[in-house]
N, C-alpha and C. Protein backbone atom coordinates (compact mmCIF):
# COMPACT_ATOMS: atom_id res chain seq x y z
N MET A 1 -11.64 7.12 -19.91
CA MET A 1 -10.20 6.03 -19.01
C MET A 1 -9.42 6.84 -18.79
N SER A 2 -8.87 7.49 -18.17
CA SER A 2 -7.19 7.92 -18.07
C SER A 2 -6.51 7.20 -16.31
N TYR A 3 -5.60 7.06 -17.04
CA TYR A 3 -4.22 6.25 -16.66
C TYR A 3 -3.33 7.32 -15.86
N ALA A 4 -3.76 8.94 -15.99
CA ALA A 4 -3.02 9.77 -15.73
C ALA A 4 -2.33 10.12 -14.21
N ALA A 5 -2.95 9.73 -13.48
CA ALA A 5 -2.68 10.20 -11.89
C ALA A 5 -1.83 8.63 -11.15
N ALA A 6 -2.00 7.27 -12.12
CA ALA A 6 -1.18 6.43 -11.47
C ALA A 6 0.50 6.93 -10.57
N ALA A 7 0.69 7.14 -11.42
CA ALA A 7 2.43 6.99 -10.58
C ALA A 7 1.58 8.42 -9.89
N ALA A 8 1.44 9.47 -10.07
CA ALA A 8 1.40 10.66 -9.10
C ALA A 8 0.51 10.04 -7.47
N LEU A 9 -0.31 8.69 -7.87
CA LEU A 9 -0.82 8.22 -6.20
C LEU A 9 0.41 7.38 -5.78
N GLN A 10 1.30 6.25 -6.57
CA GLN A 10 2.02 5.87 -6.89
C GLN A 10 3.28 6.26 -5.25
N GLY A 11 3.66 7.34 -6.03
CA GLY A 11 4.21 8.25 -5.20
C GLY A 11 3.90 8.73 -3.80
N ALA A 12 2.62 9.54 -4.16
CA ALA A 12 1.87 9.42 -1.97
C ALA A 12 2.08 8.48 -1.82
N VAL A 13 1.78 7.58 -2.10
CA VAL A 13 1.19 7.09 -0.92
C VAL A 13 2.43 5.81 -0.79
N TYR A 14 3.37 5.67 -1.38
CA TYR A 14 4.65 5.79 -0.54
C TYR A 14 5.83 6.03 -0.10
N GLN A 15 5.76 7.64 -0.35
CA GLN A 15 5.55 9.07 0.69
C GLN A 15 4.95 8.35 2.15
N ALA A 16 3.83 8.47 2.17
CA ALA A 16 2.27 8.81 3.18
C ALA A 16 3.56 7.27 4.37
N LEU A 17 3.57 5.99 3.60
CA LEU A 17 3.54 4.89 4.00
C LEU A 17 6.07 5.20 4.90
N ALA A 18 6.43 5.42 4.18
CA ALA A 18 7.63 6.08 4.41
C ALA A 18 7.50 6.97 5.35
N GLU A 19 7.12 8.00 5.84
CA GLU A 19 7.25 8.88 6.67
C GLU A 19 6.08 8.72 8.09
N ASN A 20 5.75 7.65 7.79
CA ASN A 20 4.56 7.23 8.29
C ASN A 20 5.34 6.93 10.36
N ASP A 21 5.03 7.47 11.03
CA ASP A 21 6.50 7.05 12.55
C ASP A 21 5.73 6.37 12.96
N GLY A 22 3.87 5.83 13.09
CA GLY A 22 4.51 5.10 13.09
C GLY A 22 4.52 2.89 13.01
N LEU A 23 4.59 3.00 11.28
CA LEU A 23 5.43 2.15 10.91
C LEU A 23 6.58 1.84 10.54
N ARG A 24 7.34 3.42 10.77
CA ARG A 24 8.97 2.63 10.84
C ARG A 24 9.16 2.42 11.93
N ALA A 25 8.11 3.03 13.16
CA ALA A 25 8.53 2.38 14.26
C ALA A 25 8.68 0.72 14.78
N LEU A 26 7.78 0.10 13.81
CA LEU A 26 8.05 -0.97 13.48
C LEU A 26 8.70 -1.76 12.46
N VAL A 27 8.36 -0.92 10.89
CA VAL A 27 9.94 -1.77 10.16
C VAL A 27 10.34 -0.73 10.06
N GLY A 28 10.96 -0.18 10.09
CA GLY A 28 12.11 1.86 9.87
C GLY A 28 12.12 1.99 9.08
N ASP A 29 13.49 1.93 7.72
CA ASP A 29 13.45 2.30 6.50
C ASP A 29 12.81 1.12 5.56
N ALA A 30 11.79 -0.04 5.85
CA ALA A 30 12.33 -1.07 4.98
C ALA A 30 10.65 -1.63 4.23
N VAL A 31 10.52 -0.35 3.77
CA VAL A 31 8.97 -0.06 2.79
C VAL A 31 9.39 0.72 1.36
N TYR A 32 9.16 -0.18 0.57
CA TYR A 32 10.12 -0.90 -0.82
C TYR A 32 8.13 -0.61 -1.86
N ASP A 33 9.10 0.39 -3.43
CA ASP A 33 8.26 0.76 -4.53
C ASP A 33 8.99 -0.53 -4.98
N ALA A 34 9.83 -0.35 -5.21
CA ALA A 34 10.94 -1.48 -5.95
C ALA A 34 11.69 -2.15 -5.51
N MET A 35 10.99 -3.84 -4.99
CA MET A 35 11.48 -4.56 -4.60
C MET A 35 13.25 -4.77 -4.86
N PRO A 36 14.45 -4.51 -3.61
CA PRO A 36 15.74 -5.00 -3.62
C PRO A 36 16.05 -5.92 -4.14
N VAL A 37 16.65 -6.40 -4.42
CA VAL A 37 17.64 -8.15 -5.39
C VAL A 37 17.30 -9.07 -4.21
N ALA A 38 17.92 -8.55 -2.99
CA ALA A 38 17.30 -9.71 -1.93
C ALA A 38 16.87 -9.48 -0.97
N ALA A 39 15.99 -10.00 -0.65
CA ALA A 39 14.14 -10.64 -0.07
C ALA A 39 15.36 -9.88 1.16
N PRO A 40 14.35 -8.65 1.47
CA PRO A 40 15.42 -8.24 3.02
C PRO A 40 14.65 -8.71 4.30
N SER A 41 15.52 -8.71 5.23
CA SER A 41 15.22 -9.68 7.09
C SER A 41 14.08 -9.02 7.84
N GLY A 42 13.79 -10.09 8.78
CA GLY A 42 12.62 -8.61 9.27
C GLY A 42 11.25 -8.97 8.63
N THR A 43 10.54 -7.17 8.88
CA THR A 43 9.66 -7.12 8.62
C THR A 43 9.48 -6.06 7.43
N TYR A 44 8.43 -6.05 6.49
CA TYR A 44 9.56 -5.11 5.91
C TYR A 44 7.14 -4.62 4.69
N VAL A 45 7.16 -4.16 4.40
CA VAL A 45 6.68 -3.52 3.12
C VAL A 45 6.63 -3.23 2.06
N ALA A 46 5.71 -3.79 0.89
CA ALA A 46 5.95 -3.61 -0.43
C ALA A 46 4.33 -3.07 -0.92
N LEU A 47 4.83 -2.12 -2.28
CA LEU A 47 3.57 -2.17 -2.45
C LEU A 47 3.52 -2.33 -4.02
N GLY A 48 2.06 -3.17 -4.10
CA GLY A 48 1.83 -4.40 -5.39
C GLY A 48 1.03 -3.53 -6.16
N PRO A 49 0.26 -4.79 -6.92
CA PRO A 49 -1.00 -4.21 -8.30
C PRO A 49 -1.21 -3.60 -7.56
N GLU A 50 -1.48 -3.27 -9.12
CA GLU A 50 -3.18 -2.10 -8.74
C GLU A 50 -4.24 -2.26 -10.26
N ASP A 51 -5.25 -2.56 -10.10
CA ASP A 51 -5.89 -2.08 -11.33
C ASP A 51 -6.73 -0.98 -11.10
N VAL A 52 -7.15 -1.26 -12.82
CA VAL A 52 -7.63 0.84 -12.93
C VAL A 52 -8.92 0.71 -13.61
N ARG A 53 -10.29 1.41 -13.11
CA ARG A 53 -11.11 1.57 -13.62
C ARG A 53 -11.52 3.68 -14.49
N GLU A 54 -12.01 3.30 -15.23
CA GLU A 54 -12.80 4.33 -15.25
C GLU A 54 -13.94 4.74 -14.17
N ALA A 55 -13.94 5.98 -13.86
CA ALA A 55 -14.85 6.56 -12.96
C ALA A 55 -15.16 7.76 -13.15
N GLY A 56 -14.77 8.72 -14.27
CA GLY A 56 -15.22 10.26 -14.92
C GLY A 56 -16.82 9.93 -14.50
N ASP A 57 -16.68 11.57 -15.08
CA ASP A 57 -18.39 11.78 -15.03
C ASP A 57 -18.78 12.83 -15.16
N ILE A 58 -19.54 13.55 -15.15
CA ILE A 58 -20.47 14.87 -16.07
C ILE A 58 -18.89 16.19 -16.06
N SER A 59 -18.83 16.40 -14.54
CA SER A 59 -17.29 16.58 -14.76
C SER A 59 -16.15 17.30 -14.49
N GLY A 60 -15.79 15.37 -15.33
CA GLY A 60 -14.05 15.95 -16.18
C GLY A 60 -14.13 14.27 -15.94
N ALA A 61 -12.44 14.03 -16.61
CA ALA A 61 -12.75 12.52 -16.62
C ALA A 61 -11.67 11.91 -14.99
N GLY A 62 -12.29 10.73 -14.50
CA GLY A 62 -10.90 10.00 -12.98
C GLY A 62 -11.17 8.66 -13.53
N SER A 63 -10.74 8.13 -12.16
CA SER A 63 -10.15 6.81 -12.14
C SER A 63 -10.13 6.71 -10.99
N ARG A 64 -11.02 5.27 -10.86
CA ARG A 64 -10.62 4.24 -9.12
C ARG A 64 -9.43 3.43 -9.39
N HIS A 65 -9.32 3.49 -8.20
CA HIS A 65 -8.15 2.52 -8.19
C HIS A 65 -7.98 1.54 -6.95
N ASP A 66 -7.77 0.93 -7.31
CA ASP A 66 -7.71 -0.70 -6.45
C ASP A 66 -6.34 -1.10 -6.26
N PHE A 67 -6.10 -0.97 -4.92
CA PHE A 67 -4.20 -1.25 -5.12
C PHE A 67 -3.52 -2.12 -3.68
N VAL A 68 -2.68 -2.88 -3.88
CA VAL A 68 -2.16 -3.56 -3.17
C VAL A 68 -0.91 -3.23 -2.42
N VAL A 69 -0.55 -3.27 -0.98
CA VAL A 69 0.51 -2.72 -0.13
C VAL A 69 0.56 -4.37 0.50
N SER A 70 1.46 -4.89 0.28
CA SER A 70 1.63 -6.19 0.84
C SER A 70 3.05 -6.38 2.54
N VAL A 71 1.97 -6.47 3.21
CA VAL A 71 3.89 -6.53 4.09
C VAL A 71 3.81 -7.99 4.85
N LEU A 72 5.07 -8.84 4.45
CA LEU A 72 5.57 -9.56 4.48
C LEU A 72 6.85 -9.76 6.21
N SER A 73 7.00 -10.53 6.31
CA SER A 73 8.21 -11.33 6.99
C SER A 73 8.52 -12.58 6.22
N GLY A 74 9.95 -13.18 7.12
CA GLY A 74 11.06 -13.75 6.25
C GLY A 74 10.62 -14.99 6.27
N SER A 75 11.62 -16.44 6.54
CA SER A 75 10.89 -17.56 7.76
C SER A 75 12.53 -16.99 8.45
N ASP A 76 12.90 -16.08 8.18
CA ASP A 76 14.13 -15.52 9.70
C ASP A 76 13.06 -14.88 10.86
N ASP A 77 12.06 -14.82 11.07
CA ASP A 77 11.23 -13.84 11.75
C ASP A 77 10.21 -14.65 12.13
N ALA A 78 10.99 -14.65 13.77
CA ALA A 78 10.67 -15.68 14.27
C ALA A 78 9.08 -15.45 15.08
N SER A 79 8.32 -14.06 15.27
CA SER A 79 7.58 -13.45 15.65
C SER A 79 5.83 -14.51 15.39
N GLY A 80 6.27 -15.23 14.23
CA GLY A 80 5.14 -15.51 13.09
C GLY A 80 3.96 -14.50 12.60
N PHE A 81 2.31 -14.45 13.23
CA PHE A 81 2.18 -13.39 12.15
C PHE A 81 2.24 -12.43 13.29
N ALA A 82 2.23 -11.56 14.75
CA ALA A 82 2.44 -10.65 15.59
C ALA A 82 2.78 -9.70 14.49
N ALA A 83 4.26 -9.65 14.36
CA ALA A 83 4.42 -8.04 13.87
C ALA A 83 4.08 -8.37 12.47
N VAL A 84 4.10 -8.83 11.43
CA VAL A 84 3.40 -8.75 10.24
C VAL A 84 1.90 -7.84 10.82
N LYS A 85 1.20 -8.45 11.48
CA LYS A 85 -0.71 -8.08 11.66
C LYS A 85 -0.04 -6.34 12.25
N GLY A 86 0.80 -6.53 13.08
CA GLY A 86 1.41 -5.05 13.53
C GLY A 86 1.60 -4.18 12.02
N ALA A 87 2.25 -4.36 11.90
CA ALA A 87 2.50 -3.74 10.62
C ALA A 87 1.29 -3.32 9.60
N ALA A 88 0.46 -4.68 9.48
CA ALA A 88 -0.13 -4.17 8.53
C ALA A 88 -1.41 -3.20 9.34
N ALA A 89 -1.37 -3.40 10.26
CA ALA A 89 -2.46 -2.27 11.55
C ALA A 89 -2.04 -0.94 10.73
N ALA A 90 -0.73 -0.41 10.77
CA ALA A 90 -0.39 0.77 11.00
C ALA A 90 -0.25 0.73 9.15
N VAL A 91 -0.53 0.20 8.30
CA VAL A 91 -0.38 0.63 6.72
C VAL A 91 -2.19 0.84 6.98
N SER A 92 -3.44 0.58 7.30
CA SER A 92 -4.53 0.89 7.31
C SER A 92 -4.18 1.70 8.46
N ASP A 93 -3.72 2.19 8.95
CA ASP A 93 -4.16 3.24 9.50
C ASP A 93 -3.93 4.46 9.21
N ALA A 94 -2.26 4.24 8.52
CA ALA A 94 -1.85 5.47 7.63
C ALA A 94 -2.97 5.58 6.06
N LEU A 95 -2.98 5.05 6.26
CA LEU A 95 -3.77 5.25 4.43
C LEU A 95 -5.41 5.55 4.61
N ASP A 96 -6.13 4.63 5.52
CA ASP A 96 -6.77 4.07 5.17
C ASP A 96 -7.45 5.52 5.45
N GLY A 97 -8.86 6.82 4.56
CA GLY A 97 -8.44 8.48 4.98
C GLY A 97 -7.74 8.97 4.68
N ALA A 98 -7.19 8.45 4.04
CA ALA A 98 -5.23 9.50 4.13
C ALA A 98 -6.61 11.00 3.24
N ASP A 99 -5.67 12.16 3.44
CA ASP A 99 -5.48 13.33 2.07
C ASP A 99 -4.67 13.16 1.96
N LEU A 100 -3.83 12.90 0.77
CA LEU A 100 -2.81 12.57 0.35
C LEU A 100 -2.50 13.64 -1.23
N ALA A 101 -1.73 14.22 -0.80
CA ALA A 101 -1.57 15.73 -2.09
C ALA A 101 -0.97 14.76 -3.36
N LEU A 102 -1.73 15.19 -4.57
CA LEU A 102 -1.18 13.83 -5.74
C LEU A 102 -0.26 15.11 -6.67
N GLY A 103 0.95 15.06 -7.22
CA GLY A 103 0.91 15.49 -8.37
C GLY A 103 0.57 16.33 -9.64
N ARG A 104 -0.56 14.66 -9.89
CA ARG A 104 -1.45 14.75 -10.93
C ARG A 104 -3.01 14.32 -10.26
N GLY A 105 -4.19 15.22 -10.50
CA GLY A 105 -5.32 14.87 -10.21
C GLY A 105 -5.23 15.21 -8.78
N HIS A 106 -6.60 15.19 -8.55
CA HIS A 106 -7.00 15.49 -7.42
C HIS A 106 -7.58 14.26 -6.01
N LEU A 107 -7.10 13.58 -4.82
CA LEU A 107 -7.74 12.09 -4.24
C LEU A 107 -9.05 12.37 -3.69
N VAL A 108 -10.39 12.47 -3.91
CA VAL A 108 -11.92 12.32 -3.43
C VAL A 108 -12.00 11.00 -1.97
N GLY A 109 -11.15 10.47 -2.24
CA GLY A 109 -11.02 9.47 -1.33
C GLY A 109 -10.09 9.00 -0.95
N LEU A 110 -9.58 8.30 -0.37
CA LEU A 110 -9.20 6.62 -0.31
C LEU A 110 -9.42 5.54 1.36
N TRP A 111 -10.10 4.40 0.87
CA TRP A 111 -10.41 3.53 1.28
C TRP A 111 -9.97 1.96 1.68
N PHE A 112 -9.64 1.41 2.74
CA PHE A 112 -9.64 0.00 2.65
C PHE A 112 -10.40 -0.50 2.69
N GLN A 113 -10.52 -1.73 1.78
CA GLN A 113 -11.27 -2.71 0.91
C GLN A 113 -11.52 -4.20 1.43
N ARG A 114 -10.21 -4.86 2.08
CA ARG A 114 -9.96 -5.63 2.82
C ARG A 114 -8.72 -6.44 2.66
N ALA A 115 -8.77 -7.36 3.38
CA ALA A 115 -6.52 -8.00 3.76
C ALA A 115 -7.51 -9.46 3.38
N ARG A 116 -5.46 -10.24 3.14
CA ARG A 116 -5.63 -11.50 3.10
C ARG A 116 -4.71 -12.48 3.66
N ALA A 117 -4.76 -12.38 5.12
CA ALA A 117 -3.35 -13.20 5.69
C ALA A 117 -2.71 -14.65 5.39
N ARG A 118 -1.67 -14.30 5.50
CA ARG A 118 -1.22 -16.14 4.94
C ARG A 118 -0.18 -16.71 5.33
N ARG A 119 0.45 -18.11 5.31
CA ARG A 119 1.50 -17.91 5.35
C ARG A 119 2.14 -18.22 3.99
N VAL A 120 3.48 -18.48 4.08
CA VAL A 120 4.44 -18.08 2.80
C VAL A 120 6.00 -18.58 3.00
N GLU A 121 6.39 -19.14 1.74
CA GLU A 121 7.80 -20.18 2.20
C GLU A 121 7.34 -21.38 2.56
N ASN A 122 6.92 -21.81 2.07
CA ASN A 122 6.39 -23.27 3.88
C ASN A 122 6.14 -23.18 3.76
N GLY A 123 5.75 -21.77 5.02
CA GLY A 123 4.72 -21.93 6.22
C GLY A 123 5.30 -20.93 7.28
N ALA A 124 7.11 -21.01 6.33
CA ALA A 124 7.93 -20.41 7.29
C ALA A 124 7.85 -18.99 7.70
N GLY A 125 7.07 -17.90 6.47
CA GLY A 125 7.00 -17.10 6.23
C GLY A 125 5.50 -16.44 6.09
N ARG A 126 5.28 -15.04 6.57
CA ARG A 126 3.46 -14.55 6.66
C ARG A 126 4.40 -12.98 5.75
N ARG A 127 2.80 -13.62 5.37
CA ARG A 127 2.46 -12.76 4.72
C ARG A 127 1.05 -11.15 4.58
N ILE A 128 0.56 -10.57 4.06
CA ILE A 128 -0.70 -9.84 4.54
C ILE A 128 -0.97 -8.61 3.29
N ASP A 129 -1.63 -8.97 2.67
CA ASP A 129 -1.76 -8.32 1.51
C ASP A 129 -3.47 -7.34 1.89
N LEU A 130 -3.20 -6.42 1.87
CA LEU A 130 -3.90 -5.26 1.66
C LEU A 130 -3.91 -4.74 0.99
N THR A 131 -5.90 -4.18 0.51
CA THR A 131 -6.67 -4.08 -0.76
C THR A 131 -7.22 -2.50 -0.61
N PHE A 132 -6.47 -1.58 -1.19
CA PHE A 132 -7.07 0.45 -0.65
C PHE A 132 -7.87 0.62 -2.44
N ARG A 133 -8.54 1.09 -2.16
CA ARG A 133 -9.10 1.84 -3.27
C ARG A 133 -9.25 3.46 -3.22
N ALA A 134 -8.50 3.79 -4.00
CA ALA A 134 -8.32 5.78 -3.94
C ALA A 134 -9.95 5.66 -5.38
N ARG A 135 -10.15 6.61 -5.42
CA ARG A 135 -10.88 7.52 -6.19
C ARG A 135 -10.28 9.34 -6.33
N ILE A 136 -9.81 9.29 -7.81
CA ILE A 136 -9.44 10.47 -8.02
C ILE A 136 -9.62 10.89 -9.58
N ASP A 137 -9.86 12.60 -9.28
CA ASP A 137 -10.90 13.40 -10.51
C ASP A 137 -9.47 14.10 -11.09
N LEU A 138 -9.90 14.36 -12.32
CA LEU A 138 -8.36 14.74 -13.29
C LEU A 138 -8.98 16.18 -14.06
N ALA A 139 -9.52 16.39 -13.38
CA ALA A 139 -10.47 17.90 -13.72
C ALA A 139 -9.99 18.95 -13.24
């Protein structure tokens, strides 16, 4: 098993989201790899947890990365789920099937797996966690 491409994948995902015009129109520059000390106002995107499994084969080392991208809004955002769902759709459009260039390894494929939408902050905030799967060859 190899975790060697994890940082390269994270950087490429962040760059793809931060530079996506459709997502920028909805959240501006509020795409975070590391959350700021104080939660931002409005709708924002944050890279989340990742699970990695061995996916090598006879041709060489590889890994399967299941990672979460969260779209959130605080209690100050009165638009309910509408703004969060719009931004989540833009995240999905930006990543599902994307051909990202990695600094280490080769991205074989990137697929949307599932999403979970829920209320947070005692029902005042909204959160959608989108899970994606990336397959990386290291050979």
